[in-house]
Amino acid sequence: MSENKPVRRRRRADADRSRTAILAAAIVLLDEQPDASLERIAEAAHVTRQTVYAHFSSRDVLLNAALDEVTAETLEAIDALDLDQGPALGNVLRLIDLAWRTFERHPLLLHLPHTGTHNPPQLGSRDERHDPVADRLERLIRRGQRAGEITRDLPAHWLVTTLIALGHAAGESVATARLTTRTANKTLNKTITRLLQPS
């Protein structure tokens, strides 16, 4: 029995490497070609199509796993901003800037439908993977309201909902080529500043 343990560990390590390679290839390819097939992703990951299916039962499962990876990466970057320090309004804008840098690295996020599990994770949605981002944003807004930096005329949860809707609208404008990413980012920042500043 003990002689089989190293073999099992090797197989587990190989499986983990395959899964990591598949996810990495999926993120790169889906950024470039949102309709990339599982066969193309398998080829880019240097594994067989059967290996992809061994880890991900469908393209949707793989897509959601890729979005989870991007979400985790984004949350780490948000937490690195140390949003509990410094002016709250400025930190809201820093968070939005970070979200747009993520969009620039992962254009796939701008081409996903805004329903179900395919909403852009950086700006929040009904998908539970976005709750941590919305929670951080709401805590930040409440801190700004207590300090008088952010308007108290509207409830914090409503401001969060509004920011999320504005983010989706800006993302849609980029996805449909009505605005460039840079222009959408600048426009979003101006709109958010006017919305959140005390009257």
C-alpha atoms as a PDB file:
ATOM      1  CA  MET A   1       0.000   0.000   0.000  1.00  0.00           C
ATOM      2  CA  SER A   2       2.737   2.437   0.966  1.00  0.00           C
ATOM      3  CA  GLU A   3       4.552   1.782  -2.311  1.00  0.00           C
ATOM      4  CA  ASN A   4       1.523   3.127  -4.193  1.00  0.00           C
ATOM      5  CA  LYS A   5       1.511   6.452  -2.348  1.00  0.00           C
ATOM      6  CA  PRO A   6       4.307   8.054  -4.435  1.00  0.00           C
ATOM      7  CA  VAL A   7       2.527   6.920  -7.603  1.00  0.00           C
ATOM      8  CA  ARG A   8      -0.750   8.453  -6.430  1.00  0.00           C
ATOM      9  CA  ARG A   9       1.019  11.665  -5.471  1.00  0.00           C
ATOM     10  CA  ARG A  10       2.654  11.851  -8.909  1.00  0.00           C
ATOM     11  CA  ARG A  11      -0.667  11.291 -10.618  1.00  0.00           C
ATOM     12  CA  ARG A  12      -2.312  13.944  -8.453  1.00  0.00           C
ATOM     13  CA  ALA A  13       0.522  16.378  -9.213  1.00  0.00           C
ATOM     14  CA  ASP A  14       0.210  15.635 -12.946  1.00  0.00           C
ATOM     15  CA  ALA A  15      -3.552  16.183 -12.764  1.00  0.00           C
ATOM     16  CA  ASP A  16      -3.064  19.480 -10.924  1.00  0.00           C
ATOM     17  CA  ARG A  17      -0.560  20.644 -13.555  1.00  0.00           C
ATOM     18  CA  SER A  18      -2.948  19.697 -16.347  1.00  0.00           C
ATOM     19  CA  ARG A  19      -5.813  21.579 -14.721  1.00  0.00           C
ATOM     20  CA  THR A  20      -3.637  24.661 -14.190  1.00  0.00           C
ATOM     21  CA  ALA A  21      -2.433  24.544 -17.806  1.00  0.00           C
ATOM     22  CA  ILE A  22      -5.998  24.193 -19.113  1.00  0.00           C
ATOM     23  CA  LEU A  23      -7.230  27.156 -17.055  1.00  0.00           C
ATOM     24  CA  ALA A  24      -4.299  29.332 -18.088  1.00  0.00           C
ATOM     25  CA  ALA A  25      -4.827  28.467 -21.767  1.00  0.00           C
ATOM     26  CA  ALA A  26      -8.573  29.059 -21.480  1.00  0.00           C
ATOM     27  CA  ILE A  27      -8.115  32.534 -19.988  1.00  0.00           C
ATOM     28  CA  VAL A  28      -5.621  33.571 -22.692  1.00  0.00           C
ATOM     29  CA  LEU A  29      -7.630  32.123 -25.571  1.00  0.00           C
ATOM     30  CA  LEU A  30     -11.043  33.317 -24.396  1.00  0.00           C
ATOM     31  CA  ASP A  31      -9.597  36.810 -23.984  1.00  0.00           C
ATOM     32  CA  GLU A  32      -8.498  36.683 -27.632  1.00  0.00           C
ATOM     33  CA  GLN A  33     -11.435  34.671 -29.006  1.00  0.00           C
ATOM     34  CA  PRO A  34     -14.528  34.561 -26.753  1.00  0.00           C
ATOM     35  CA  ASP A  35     -15.913  31.688 -28.832  1.00  0.00           C
ATOM     36  CA  ALA A  36     -12.745  29.557 -28.697  1.00  0.00           C
ATOM     37  CA  SER A  37     -13.583  25.848 -28.706  1.00  0.00           C
ATOM     38  CA  LEU A  38     -12.563  23.246 -26.141  1.00  0.00           C
ATOM     39  CA  GLU A  39     -10.464  21.595 -28.838  1.00  0.00           C
ATOM     40  CA  ARG A  40      -8.503  24.817 -29.371  1.00  0.00           C
ATOM     41  CA  ILE A  41      -8.054  25.272 -25.626  1.00  0.00           C
ATOM     42  CA  ALA A  42      -6.841  21.676 -25.275  1.00  0.00           C
ATOM     43  CA  GLU A  43      -4.337  22.250 -28.063  1.00  0.00           C
ATOM     44  CA  ALA A  44      -3.035  25.440 -26.430  1.00  0.00           C
ATOM     45  CA  ALA A  45      -2.715  23.662 -23.064  1.00  0.00           C
ATOM     46  CA  HIS A  46      -0.864  20.744 -24.737  1.00  0.00           C
ATOM     47  CA  VAL A  47      -3.380  18.206 -23.480  1.00  0.00           C
ATOM     48  CA  THR A  48      -6.015  16.060 -25.145  1.00  0.00           C
ATOM     49  CA  ARG A  49      -9.669  16.980 -25.410  1.00  0.00           C
ATOM     50  CA  GLN A  50     -10.414  14.032 -23.127  1.00  0.00           C
ATOM     51  CA  THR A  51      -8.108  15.521 -20.479  1.00  0.00           C
ATOM     52  CA  VAL A  52     -10.047  18.773 -20.611  1.00  0.00           C
ATOM     53  CA  TYR A  53     -13.301  16.872 -20.086  1.00  0.00           C
ATOM     54  CA  ALA A  54     -11.738  14.939 -17.218  1.00  0.00           C
ATOM     55  CA  HIS A  55     -11.378  18.240 -15.350  1.00  0.00           C
ATOM     56  CA  PHE A  56     -14.268  20.276 -16.789  1.00  0.00           C
ATOM     57  CA  SER A  57     -17.461  18.522 -17.850  1.00  0.00           C
ATOM     58  CA  SER A  58     -18.503  21.253 -20.310  1.00  0.00           C
ATOM     59  CA  ARG A  59     -17.371  24.523 -21.856  1.00  0.00           C
ATOM     60  CA  ASP A  60     -19.596  26.444 -19.427  1.00  0.00           C
ATOM     61  CA  VAL A  61     -17.934  24.716 -16.467  1.00  0.00           C
ATOM     62  CA  LEU A  62     -14.514  25.650 -17.831  1.00  0.00           C
ATOM     63  CA  LEU A  63     -15.649  29.231 -18.504  1.00  0.00           C
ATOM     64  CA  ASN A  64     -16.902  29.607 -14.947  1.00  0.00           C
ATOM     65  CA  ALA A  65     -13.668  28.168 -13.561  1.00  0.00           C
ATOM     66  CA  ALA A  66     -11.737  30.703 -15.642  1.00  0.00           C
ATOM     67  CA  LEU A  67     -13.936  33.507 -14.294  1.00  0.00           C
ATOM     68  CA  ASP A  68     -13.317  32.249 -10.756  1.00  0.00           C
ATOM     69  CA  GLU A  69      -9.571  32.496 -11.408  1.00  0.00           C
ATOM     70  CA  VAL A  70      -9.894  36.064 -12.695  1.00  0.00           C
ATOM     71  CA  THR A  71     -12.150  36.948  -9.749  1.00  0.00           C
ATOM     72  CA  ALA A  72      -9.650  35.582  -7.218  1.00  0.00           C
ATOM     73  CA  GLU A  73      -6.862  37.511  -8.938  1.00  0.00           C
ATOM     74  CA  THR A  74      -8.959  40.682  -8.822  1.00  0.00           C
ATOM     75  CA  LEU A  75      -9.827  40.277  -5.131  1.00  0.00           C
ATOM     76  CA  GLU A  76      -6.141  39.893  -4.283  1.00  0.00           C
ATOM     77  CA  ALA A  77      -5.374  43.077  -6.200  1.00  0.00           C
ATOM     78  CA  ILE A  78      -8.237  44.941  -4.498  1.00  0.00           C
ATOM     79  CA  ASP A  79      -7.075  43.880  -1.049  1.00  0.00           C
ATOM     80  CA  ALA A  80      -3.540  44.992  -1.919  1.00  0.00           C
ATOM     81  CA  LEU A  81      -4.938  48.522  -2.387  1.00  0.00           C
ATOM     82  CA  ASP A  82      -5.522  48.709   1.394  1.00  0.00           C
ATOM     83  CA  LEU A  83      -8.846  50.479   0.960  1.00  0.00           C
ATOM     84  CA  ASP A  84      -9.236  51.076   4.707  1.00  0.00           C
ATOM     85  CA  GLN A  85      -6.544  53.768   4.522  1.00  0.00           C
ATOM     86  CA  GLY A  86      -6.830  57.157   2.828  1.00  0.00           C
ATOM     87  CA  PRO A  87      -9.764  59.145   1.399  1.00  0.00           C
ATOM     88  CA  ALA A  88     -12.781  56.946   0.702  1.00  0.00           C
ATOM     89  CA  LEU A  89     -13.815  58.649  -2.544  1.00  0.00           C
ATOM     90  CA  GLY A  90     -10.291  58.404  -3.892  1.00  0.00           C
ATOM     91  CA  ASN A  91     -10.239  54.720  -2.982  1.00  0.00           C
ATOM     92  CA  VAL A  92     -13.517  54.104  -4.821  1.00  0.00           C
ATOM     93  CA  LEU A  93     -11.901  55.581  -7.922  1.00  0.00           C
ATOM     94  CA  ARG A  94      -8.781  53.451  -7.375  1.00  0.00           C
ATOM     95  CA  LEU A  95     -10.966  50.364  -7.186  1.00  0.00           C
ATOM     96  CA  ILE A  96     -12.718  51.330 -10.442  1.00  0.00           C
ATOM     97  CA  ASP A  97      -9.342  51.970 -12.115  1.00  0.00           C
ATOM     98  CA  LEU A  98      -8.197  48.524 -11.011  1.00  0.00           C
ATOM     99  CA  ALA A  99     -11.353  47.000 -12.474  1.00  0.00           C
ATOM    100  CA  TRP A 100     -10.663  48.643 -15.814  1.00  0.00           C
ATOM    101  CA  ARG A 101      -7.060  47.464 -15.810  1.00  0.00           C
ATOM    102  CA  THR A 102      -8.503  43.995 -15.319  1.00  0.00           C
ATOM    103  CA  PHE A 103     -10.821  44.548 -18.287  1.00  0.00           C
ATOM    104  CA  GLU A 104      -7.819  45.547 -20.371  1.00  0.00           C
ATOM    105  CA  ARG A 105      -5.961  42.357 -19.356  1.00  0.00           C
ATOM    106  CA  HIS A 106      -9.061  40.191 -19.784  1.00  0.00           C
ATOM    107  CA  PRO A 107     -11.213  41.547 -22.649  1.00  0.00           C
ATOM    108  CA  LEU A 108     -13.408  38.460 -22.330  1.00  0.00           C
ATOM    109  CA  LEU A 109     -15.110  40.164 -19.383  1.00  0.00           C
ATOM    110  CA  LEU A 110     -16.440  42.871 -21.687  1.00  0.00           C
ATOM    111  CA  HIS A 111     -18.015  40.380 -24.084  1.00  0.00           C
ATOM    112  CA  LEU A 112     -19.927  38.229 -21.631  1.00  0.00           C
ATOM    113  CA  PRO A 113     -23.705  38.649 -21.411  1.00  0.00           C
ATOM    114  CA  HIS A 114     -24.825  40.587 -18.325  1.00  0.00           C
ATOM    115  CA  THR A 115     -27.045  37.785 -17.058  1.00  0.00           C
ATOM    116  CA  GLY A 116     -26.647  34.647 -14.999  1.00  0.00           C
ATOM    117  CA  THR A 117     -23.103  33.628 -14.104  1.00  0.00           C
ATOM    118  CA  HIS A 118     -21.460  35.518 -16.945  1.00  0.00           C
ATOM    119  CA  ASN A 119     -21.410  39.029 -15.523  1.00  0.00           C
ATOM    120  CA  PRO A 120     -18.119  40.899 -15.193  1.00  0.00           C
ATOM    121  CA  PRO A 121     -16.876  39.961 -11.756  1.00  0.00           C
ATOM    122  CA  GLN A 122     -14.931  43.187 -11.049  1.00  0.00           C
ATOM    123  CA  LEU A 123     -18.046  45.369 -10.921  1.00  0.00           C
ATOM    124  CA  GLY A 124     -20.438  43.010  -9.199  1.00  0.00           C
ATOM    125  CA  SER A 125     -23.694  41.253 -10.120  1.00  0.00           C
ATOM    126  CA  ARG A 126     -26.172  38.786  -8.700  1.00  0.00           C
ATOM    127  CA  ASP A 127     -23.601  36.046  -9.110  1.00  0.00           C
ATOM    128  CA  GLU A 128     -22.260  35.126  -5.664  1.00  0.00           C
ATOM    129  CA  ARG A 129     -18.665  35.309  -6.908  1.00  0.00           C
ATOM    130  CA  HIS A 130     -19.120  39.069  -7.070  1.00  0.00           C
ATOM    131  CA  ASP A 131     -20.439  39.519  -3.544  1.00  0.00           C
ATOM    132  CA  PRO A 132     -16.968  40.043  -1.985  1.00  0.00           C
ATOM    133  CA  VAL A 133     -16.301  42.931  -4.373  1.00  0.00           C
ATOM    134  CA  ALA A 134     -19.680  44.537  -3.677  1.00  0.00           C
ATOM    135  CA  ASP A 135     -19.126  44.074   0.078  1.00  0.00           C
ATOM    136  CA  ARG A 136     -15.759  45.824  -0.077  1.00  0.00           C
ATOM    137  CA  LEU A 137     -17.280  48.655  -2.092  1.00  0.00           C
ATOM    138  CA  GLU A 138     -20.155  49.099   0.357  1.00  0.00           C
ATOM    139  CA  ARG A 139     -17.814  49.160   3.381  1.00  0.00           C
ATOM    140  CA  LEU A 140     -15.744  51.799   1.623  1.00  0.00           C
ATOM    141  CA  ILE A 141     -18.778  53.943   0.818  1.00  0.00           C
ATOM    142  CA  ARG A 142     -20.106  53.681   4.390  1.00  0.00           C
ATOM    143  CA  ARG A 143     -16.721  54.793   5.721  1.00  0.00           C
ATOM    144  CA  GLY A 144     -16.788  57.758   3.353  1.00  0.00           C
ATOM    145  CA  GLN A 145     -20.304  58.679   4.451  1.00  0.00           C
ATOM    146  CA  ARG A 146     -19.311  58.609   8.127  1.00  0.00           C
ATOM    147  CA  ALA A 147     -16.363  60.876   7.361  1.00  0.00           C
ATOM    148  CA  GLY A 148     -18.486  63.245   5.257  1.00  0.00           C
ATOM    149  CA  GLU A 149     -16.447  62.479   2.110  1.00  0.00           C
ATOM    150  CA  ILE A 150     -19.317  60.742   0.310  1.00  0.00           C
ATOM    151  CA  THR A 151     -22.902  61.938   0.048  1.00  0.00           C
ATOM    152  CA  ARG A 152     -25.310  60.821   2.748  1.00  0.00           C
ATOM    153  CA  ASP A 153     -28.323  61.776   0.629  1.00  0.00           C
ATOM    154  CA  LEU A 154     -28.544  58.225  -0.732  1.00  0.00           C
ATOM    155  CA  PRO A 155     -28.217  54.866   1.080  1.00  0.00           C
ATOM    156  CA  ALA A 156     -24.878  53.085   0.716  1.00  0.00           C
ATOM    157  CA  HIS A 157     -26.452  49.952  -0.766  1.00  0.00           C
ATOM    158  CA  TRP A 158     -28.175  52.076  -3.430  1.00  0.00           C
ATOM    159  CA  LEU A 159     -24.913  53.784  -4.304  1.00  0.00           C
ATOM    160  CA  VAL A 160     -23.265  50.372  -4.698  1.00  0.00           C
ATOM    161  CA  THR A 161     -26.112  49.201  -6.951  1.00  0.00           C
ATOM    162  CA  THR A 162     -25.774  52.387  -9.009  1.00  0.00           C
ATOM    163  CA  LEU A 163     -22.001  52.002  -9.366  1.00  0.00           C
ATOM    164  CA  ILE A 164     -22.480  48.421 -10.521  1.00  0.00           C
ATOM    165  CA  ALA A 165     -25.061  49.524 -13.112  1.00  0.00           C
ATOM    166  CA  LEU A 166     -22.759  52.289 -14.330  1.00  0.00           C
ATOM    167  CA  GLY A 167     -19.908  49.808 -14.629  1.00  0.00           C
ATOM    168  CA  HIS A 168     -22.053  47.472 -16.702  1.00  0.00           C
ATOM    169  CA  ALA A 169     -23.170  50.349 -18.919  1.00  0.00           C
ATOM    170  CA  ALA A 170     -19.574  51.430 -19.477  1.00  0.00           C
ATOM    171  CA  GLY A 171     -18.553  47.853 -20.215  1.00  0.00           C
ATOM    172  CA  GLU A 172     -21.359  47.495 -22.749  1.00  0.00           C
ATOM    173  CA  SER A 173     -20.292  50.730 -24.450  1.00  0.00           C
ATOM    174  CA  VAL A 174     -16.786  49.322 -24.857  1.00  0.00           C
ATOM    175  CA  ALA A 175     -18.032  45.898 -25.993  1.00  0.00           C
ATOM    176  CA  THR A 176     -20.186  47.531 -28.692  1.00  0.00           C
ATOM    177  CA  ALA A 177     -17.362  49.914 -29.722  1.00  0.00           C
ATOM    178  CA  ARG A 178     -19.293  53.056 -28.769  1.00  0.00           C
ATOM    179  CA  LEU A 179     -16.473  54.061 -26.425  1.00  0.00           C
ATOM    180  CA  THR A 180     -12.835  53.099 -26.162  1.00  0.00           C
ATOM    181  CA  THR A 181     -11.728  51.510 -22.910  1.00  0.00           C
ATOM    182  CA  ARG A 182      -9.778  54.653 -22.005  1.00  0.00           C
ATOM    183  CA  THR A 183     -12.721  56.991 -22.712  1.00  0.00           C
ATOM    184  CA  ALA A 184     -15.138  54.729 -20.844  1.00  0.00           C
ATOM    185  CA  ASN A 185     -12.821  54.693 -17.838  1.00  0.00           C
ATOM    186  CA  LYS A 186     -12.509  58.501 -17.795  1.00  0.00           C
ATOM    187  CA  THR A 187     -16.254  58.951 -18.271  1.00  0.00           C
ATOM    188  CA  LEU A 188     -17.033  56.457 -15.534  1.00  0.00           C
ATOM    189  CA  ASN A 189     -14.645  58.193 -13.138  1.00  0.00           C
ATOM    190  CA  LYS A 190     -16.246  61.603 -13.774  1.00  0.00           C
ATOM    191  CA  THR A 191     -19.751  60.195 -13.346  1.00  0.00           C
ATOM    192  CA  ILE A 192     -18.861  58.380 -10.116  1.00  0.00           C
ATOM    193  CA  THR A 193     -17.151  61.462  -8.682  1.00  0.00           C
ATOM    194  CA  ARG A 194     -20.219  63.614  -9.336  1.00  0.00           C
ATOM    195  CA  LEU A 195     -22.529  60.951  -7.933  1.00  0.00           C
ATOM    196  CA  LEU A 196     -20.616  60.382  -4.715  1.00  0.00           C
ATOM    197  CA  GLN A 197     -19.453  63.878  -3.840  1.00  0.00           C
ATOM    198  CA  PRO A 198     -21.495  65.531  -1.072  1.00  0.00           C
ATOM    199  CA  SER A 199     -23.877  68.189  -2.390  1.00  0.00           C
END
